[in-house]
Amino acid sequence: MNGNWLRVSPDELERARADLGWAYELAMTQRNDNSERWEGTDKAWDGLEFLLDRLGFEIPLVSGAERFVELPDVEPDSDEMLDFLDNIEDDWGYGPPSYLTPAQVATAAVRLAELTQDDLIRGVDPQELVRADIYPGTWDRPSQLAWVAHYLPDVQRFFGAAARDGAAVICWLD
């Protein structure tokens, strides 16, 4: 399970709202081309979101704040949810994508720019992540927190560039 982001213009975001199939093709093309418009966090996505949340970061960078598709109010692993997800056009991976608006991206970029890798993990007990059942669940290894923190500079560059462009960001897990 890997975290992914795609920078899109406001016009592209509007098109994505109307046609997730088109957005999926754009996302895959940009990712396959290793474009500057795509960034990934590998399996560190949940740890990163946990650590940012722990610092009071209000914008859910990984899971996105806005939904393209409203999910049904059922248990995540239920047959009803699995049936719903099977009927969504195009395979985004683990459920439909979400997104951050240009305003949310700009706010996130400012807040991210203030952080250091040390800020992200200072005072964190890996057992906090174990108790919270944070993916990938290998927090007993001493280097795991540093592994998550090493993504921060790339995340800062990505969101900084998106903010400068006035871009929105599509978020998904695959």
Protein backbone atom coordinates (compact mmCIF):
# COMPACT_ATOMS: atom_id res chain seq x y z
CA MET A 1 0.00 0.00 0.00
CA ASN A 2 1.63 3.25 -1.18
CA GLY A 3 0.64 6.90 -0.79
CA ASN A 4 0.45 9.04 -3.94
CA TRP A 5 -0.16 12.68 -4.84
CA LEU A 6 -0.78 14.35 -8.18
CA ARG A 7 -0.68 18.10 -8.72
CA VAL A 8 -3.52 19.31 -10.92
CA SER A 9 -4.62 22.73 -12.08
CA PRO A 10 -8.03 24.01 -10.94
CA ASP A 11 -9.37 23.23 -14.44
CA GLU A 12 -7.97 19.70 -14.27
CA LEU A 13 -9.56 19.26 -10.84
CA GLU A 14 -12.94 20.24 -12.28
CA ARG A 15 -12.48 17.75 -15.08
CA ALA A 16 -11.47 15.06 -12.55
CA ARG A 17 -14.65 15.73 -10.56
CA ALA A 18 -16.65 14.96 -13.68
CA ASP A 19 -14.49 12.09 -14.99
CA LEU A 20 -12.43 10.04 -12.55
CA GLY A 21 -11.43 7.73 -15.41
CA TRP A 22 -9.69 10.64 -17.13
CA ALA A 23 -8.02 11.61 -13.84
CA TYR A 24 -6.81 8.04 -13.33
CA GLU A 25 -5.19 7.98 -16.77
CA LEU A 26 -3.52 11.34 -16.07
CA ALA A 27 -2.28 10.10 -12.68
CA MET A 28 -0.84 6.90 -14.11
CA THR A 29 0.86 8.73 -16.98
CA GLN A 30 2.44 11.27 -14.63
CA ARG A 31 3.54 8.56 -12.18
CA ASN A 32 4.95 6.31 -14.92
CA ASP A 33 6.85 9.28 -16.36
CA ASN A 34 8.13 10.12 -12.85
CA SER A 35 6.80 13.62 -13.48
CA GLU A 36 7.33 16.52 -11.07
CA ARG A 37 3.54 16.59 -10.81
CA TRP A 38 3.54 13.22 -9.01
CA GLU A 39 5.02 12.35 -5.64
CA GLY A 40 4.80 9.21 -3.56
CA THR A 41 5.54 8.20 -0.01
CA ASP A 42 5.88 4.47 -0.50
CA LYS A 43 4.61 2.62 2.58
CA ALA A 44 5.37 5.62 4.85
CA TRP A 45 2.01 7.31 4.11
CA ASP A 46 0.23 6.30 7.32
CA GLY A 47 3.23 7.04 9.52
CA LEU A 48 3.61 10.45 7.91
CA GLU A 49 -0.06 11.30 8.43
CA PHE A 50 0.14 10.09 12.05
CA LEU A 51 3.24 12.17 12.78
CA LEU A 52 1.81 15.29 11.16
CA ASP A 53 -1.47 14.83 13.01
CA ARG A 54 0.47 14.43 16.24
CA LEU A 55 2.00 17.89 15.60
CA GLY A 56 -1.47 19.40 15.17
CA PHE A 57 -1.32 19.49 11.37
CA GLU A 58 -4.95 20.08 10.46
CA ILE A 59 -4.87 19.24 6.76
CA PRO A 60 -4.95 15.49 6.02
CA LEU A 61 -2.20 15.42 3.40
CA VAL A 62 -2.34 11.71 2.72
CA SER A 63 -6.04 10.97 2.94
CA GLY A 64 -7.16 14.29 1.45
CA ALA A 65 -9.80 16.60 2.83
CA GLU A 66 -12.34 16.48 0.01
CA ARG A 67 -14.01 13.46 -1.57
CA PHE A 68 -14.71 12.81 -5.23
CA VAL A 69 -17.08 10.01 -4.23
CA GLU A 70 -19.09 9.80 -1.02
CA LEU A 71 -18.47 6.48 0.68
CA PRO A 72 -21.42 4.60 2.14
CA ASP A 73 -21.82 4.66 5.91
CA VAL A 74 -20.85 1.01 6.46
CA GLU A 75 -17.93 -0.86 8.02
CA PRO A 76 -14.73 -0.44 5.95
CA ASP A 77 -14.23 -4.19 5.45
CA SER A 78 -17.90 -5.09 5.01
CA ASP A 79 -19.36 -6.80 1.96
CA GLU A 80 -21.36 -3.63 1.26
CA MET A 81 -18.17 -1.53 1.14
CA LEU A 82 -16.37 -4.06 -1.04
CA ASP A 83 -19.34 -4.16 -3.45
CA PHE A 84 -19.39 -0.36 -3.56
CA LEU A 85 -15.66 -0.15 -4.29
CA ASP A 86 -15.92 -2.83 -6.98
CA ASN A 87 -18.41 -0.62 -8.84
CA ILE A 88 -16.22 2.49 -8.93
CA GLU A 89 -14.85 3.22 -12.38
CA ASP A 90 -11.09 2.64 -12.67
CA ASP A 91 -8.91 1.04 -10.08
CA TRP A 92 -7.29 3.69 -7.95
CA GLY A 93 -6.12 1.01 -5.56
CA TYR A 94 -7.54 1.14 -2.06
CA GLY A 95 -10.73 3.08 -2.62
CA PRO A 96 -11.52 6.22 -4.55
CA PRO A 97 -9.12 9.15 -4.52
CA SER A 98 -9.68 12.35 -2.59
CA TYR A 99 -8.16 15.78 -3.02
CA LEU A 100 -6.92 18.99 -1.47
CA THR A 101 -8.09 22.33 -2.85
CA PRO A 102 -5.56 24.96 -3.93
CA ALA A 103 -6.24 26.86 -0.69
CA GLN A 104 -5.62 23.72 1.39
CA VAL A 105 -2.44 23.03 -0.58
CA ALA A 106 -1.19 26.57 0.05
CA THR A 107 -1.89 26.30 3.78
CA ALA A 108 -0.19 22.90 3.94
CA ALA A 109 2.88 24.19 2.07
CA VAL A 110 3.36 27.03 4.55
CA ARG A 111 3.03 24.72 7.54
CA LEU A 112 5.28 22.03 6.01
CA ALA A 113 8.00 24.60 5.28
CA GLU A 114 8.26 25.29 9.02
CA LEU A 115 9.08 21.65 9.89
CA THR A 116 12.33 19.76 10.06
CA GLN A 117 12.75 16.02 9.98
CA ASP A 118 13.69 16.18 13.64
CA ASP A 119 10.49 18.12 14.43
CA LEU A 120 8.50 15.32 12.86
CA ILE A 121 9.88 12.57 15.10
CA ARG A 122 11.11 14.40 18.22
CA GLY A 123 9.73 12.77 21.35
CA VAL A 124 7.83 10.09 19.45
CA ASP A 125 7.67 6.69 21.09
CA PRO A 126 7.37 4.06 18.34
CA GLN A 127 4.89 2.25 20.59
CA GLU A 128 2.46 5.13 19.91
CA LEU A 129 2.34 4.01 16.29
CA VAL A 130 2.00 0.37 17.30
CA ARG A 131 -0.93 1.18 19.62
CA ALA A 132 -2.57 3.27 16.89
CA ASP A 133 -2.16 0.38 14.41
CA ILE A 134 -0.30 2.57 11.91
CA TYR A 135 0.65 0.88 8.63
CA PRO A 136 3.00 -0.85 7.85
CA GLY A 137 3.24 -1.95 11.49
CA THR A 138 7.02 -2.38 11.65
CA TRP A 139 7.60 0.29 14.29
CA ASP A 140 9.69 -1.99 16.49
CA ARG A 141 12.62 -1.42 14.11
CA PRO A 142 14.82 1.47 15.35
CA SER A 143 15.16 3.12 11.93
CA GLN A 144 11.45 3.24 11.04
CA LEU A 145 10.74 6.76 12.34
CA ALA A 146 13.78 8.13 10.51
CA TRP A 147 12.57 6.31 7.38
CA VAL A 148 9.26 8.20 7.53
CA ALA A 149 10.99 11.51 8.30
CA HIS A 150 13.30 11.18 5.30
CA TYR A 151 10.29 11.77 3.03
CA LEU A 152 9.69 15.24 4.48
CA PRO A 153 12.01 17.23 2.14
CA ASP A 154 10.36 15.72 -0.95
CA VAL A 155 6.90 16.39 0.51
CA GLN A 156 7.91 19.99 1.24
CA ARG A 157 9.20 20.50 -2.32
CA PHE A 158 6.11 18.91 -3.85
CA PHE A 159 3.60 20.95 -1.85
CA GLY A 160 5.69 24.12 -2.21
CA ALA A 161 5.67 23.76 -6.01
CA ALA A 162 1.94 22.95 -6.00
CA ALA A 163 1.22 26.05 -3.92
CA ARG A 164 3.33 28.27 -6.21
CA ASP A 165 1.36 26.92 -9.19
CA GLY A 166 -2.01 27.42 -7.47
CA ALA A 167 -2.58 23.69 -7.91
CA ALA A 168 -4.88 21.24 -6.18
CA VAL A 169 -3.60 17.79 -5.21
CA ILE A 170 -5.27 14.45 -5.83
CA CYS A 171 -4.50 11.91 -3.09
CA TRP A 172 -4.78 8.11 -3.33
CA LEU A 173 -3.42 4.83 -2.00
CA ASP A 174 -2.47 1.92 -4.21
